[in-house]
Amino acid sequence: MNDLTQASAPQADIDRLDREIDALVYELYGLTEEEIRIVEGGEG
């Protein structure tokens, strides 16, 4: 593994975990697809 690959791998893990956490929270609160778009900054 080169230095660039090693440096970007932790950020990729963080991004993936962030998306997983978001999905779990949305499920926990029972958000609809429209509500998720609003929370994520998209148009409803």
N, C-alpha and C. Protein backbone atom coordinates (compact mmCIF):
# COMPACT_ATOMS: atom_id res chain seq x y z
N MET A 1 0.84 -1.18 0.00
CA MET A 1 0.00 0.00 0.00
C MET A 1 0.89 1.24 0.00
N ASN A 2 0.58 2.20 -0.86
CA ASN A 2 1.38 3.43 -0.86
C ASN A 2 0.82 4.43 0.15
N ASP A 3 1.53 5.52 0.36
CA ASP A 3 1.14 6.51 1.37
C ASP A 3 -0.22 7.13 1.07
N LEU A 4 -0.52 7.40 -0.20
CA LEU A 4 -1.79 8.01 -0.57
C LEU A 4 -2.96 7.07 -0.26
N THR A 5 -2.80 5.80 -0.56
CA THR A 5 -3.84 4.82 -0.27
C THR A 5 -4.07 4.71 1.22
N GLN A 6 -3.01 4.68 1.99
CA GLN A 6 -3.14 4.59 3.44
C GLN A 6 -3.80 5.83 4.02
N ALA A 7 -3.50 6.99 3.47
CA ALA A 7 -4.07 8.23 3.98
C ALA A 7 -5.55 8.35 3.67
N SER A 8 -5.99 7.85 2.53
CA SER A 8 -7.39 7.98 2.15
C SER A 8 -8.26 6.88 2.72
N ALA A 9 -7.68 5.76 3.10
CA ALA A 9 -8.47 4.64 3.62
C ALA A 9 -9.22 4.99 4.90
N PRO A 10 -8.60 5.67 5.88
CA PRO A 10 -9.36 6.02 7.09
C PRO A 10 -10.55 6.92 6.78
N GLN A 11 -10.40 7.86 5.85
CA GLN A 11 -11.51 8.74 5.51
C GLN A 11 -12.63 7.94 4.85
N ALA A 12 -12.28 6.97 4.02
CA ALA A 12 -13.29 6.13 3.39
C ALA A 12 -14.05 5.35 4.45
N ASP A 13 -13.34 4.85 5.46
CA ASP A 13 -14.00 4.14 6.56
C ASP A 13 -14.93 5.06 7.33
N ILE A 14 -14.48 6.28 7.58
CA ILE A 14 -15.30 7.25 8.31
C ILE A 14 -16.56 7.56 7.51
N ASP A 15 -16.42 7.79 6.22
CA ASP A 15 -17.57 8.10 5.37
C ASP A 15 -18.57 6.95 5.36
N ARG A 16 -18.07 5.72 5.25
CA ARG A 16 -18.94 4.55 5.23
C ARG A 16 -19.68 4.41 6.55
N LEU A 17 -18.96 4.55 7.65
CA LEU A 17 -19.59 4.43 8.97
C LEU A 17 -20.60 5.54 9.21
N ASP A 18 -20.30 6.74 8.72
CA ASP A 18 -21.23 7.86 8.85
C ASP A 18 -22.55 7.56 8.14
N ARG A 19 -22.47 6.99 6.93
CA ARG A 19 -23.68 6.63 6.19
C ARG A 19 -24.45 5.53 6.91
N GLU A 20 -23.74 4.56 7.47
CA GLU A 20 -24.41 3.48 8.20
C GLU A 20 -25.13 4.01 9.44
N ILE A 21 -24.48 4.91 10.17
CA ILE A 21 -25.09 5.50 11.36
C ILE A 21 -26.33 6.30 10.96
N ASP A 22 -26.21 7.09 9.90
CA ASP A 22 -27.36 7.86 9.43
C ASP A 22 -28.54 6.94 9.13
N ALA A 23 -28.29 5.86 8.41
CA ALA A 23 -29.36 4.93 8.05
C ALA A 23 -30.01 4.32 9.29
N LEU A 24 -29.21 3.97 10.28
CA LEU A 24 -29.75 3.40 11.51
C LEU A 24 -30.61 4.42 12.27
N VAL A 25 -30.16 5.65 12.31
CA VAL A 25 -30.93 6.70 13.00
C VAL A 25 -32.24 6.95 12.26
N TYR A 26 -32.20 7.01 10.93
CA TYR A 26 -33.42 7.23 10.16
C TYR A 26 -34.41 6.10 10.42
N GLU A 27 -33.91 4.88 10.47
CA GLU A 27 -34.77 3.73 10.74
C GLU A 27 -35.33 3.80 12.17
N LEU A 28 -34.49 4.15 13.12
CA LEU A 28 -34.91 4.25 14.51
C LEU A 28 -36.06 5.22 14.68
N TYR A 29 -35.98 6.35 13.99
CA TYR A 29 -37.02 7.37 14.09
C TYR A 29 -38.14 7.19 13.08
N GLY A 30 -38.04 6.19 12.24
CA GLY A 30 -39.10 5.89 11.28
C GLY A 30 -39.27 6.97 10.22
N LEU A 31 -38.18 7.58 9.78
CA LEU A 31 -38.26 8.64 8.78
C LEU A 31 -38.64 8.07 7.42
N THR A 32 -39.46 8.83 6.70
CA THR A 32 -39.82 8.46 5.33
C THR A 32 -38.70 8.92 4.40
N GLU A 33 -38.76 8.47 3.15
CA GLU A 33 -37.77 8.90 2.16
C GLU A 33 -37.78 10.42 2.01
N GLU A 34 -38.97 11.02 2.03
CA GLU A 34 -39.07 12.48 1.90
C GLU A 34 -38.41 13.17 3.09
N GLU A 35 -38.65 12.67 4.28
CA GLU A 35 -38.04 13.26 5.48
C GLU A 35 -36.52 13.12 5.46
N ILE A 36 -36.04 11.99 4.97
CA ILE A 36 -34.59 11.78 4.87
C ILE A 36 -33.98 12.79 3.91
N ARG A 37 -34.64 13.02 2.77
CA ARG A 37 -34.14 14.02 1.81
C ARG A 37 -34.07 15.40 2.45
N ILE A 38 -35.08 15.75 3.26
CA ILE A 38 -35.09 17.05 3.93
C ILE A 38 -33.92 17.13 4.91
N VAL A 39 -33.74 16.08 5.71
CA VAL A 39 -32.66 16.07 6.70
C VAL A 39 -31.30 16.18 6.02
N GLU A 40 -31.15 15.52 4.90
CA GLU A 40 -29.87 15.52 4.19
C GLU A 40 -29.67 16.77 3.35
N GLY A 41 -30.63 17.67 3.37
CA GLY A 41 -30.47 18.93 2.67
C GLY A 41 -31.04 18.97 1.27
N GLY A 42 -31.73 17.90 0.88
CA GLY A 42 -32.35 17.89 -0.44
C GLY A 42 -33.73 18.51 -0.38
N GLU A 43 -34.33 18.67 -1.51
CA GLU A 43 -35.68 19.23 -1.58
C GLU A 43 -36.70 18.15 -1.25
N GLY A 44 -37.77 18.53 -0.57
CA GLY A 44 -38.79 17.57 -0.15
C GLY A 44 -39.78 17.24 -1.14
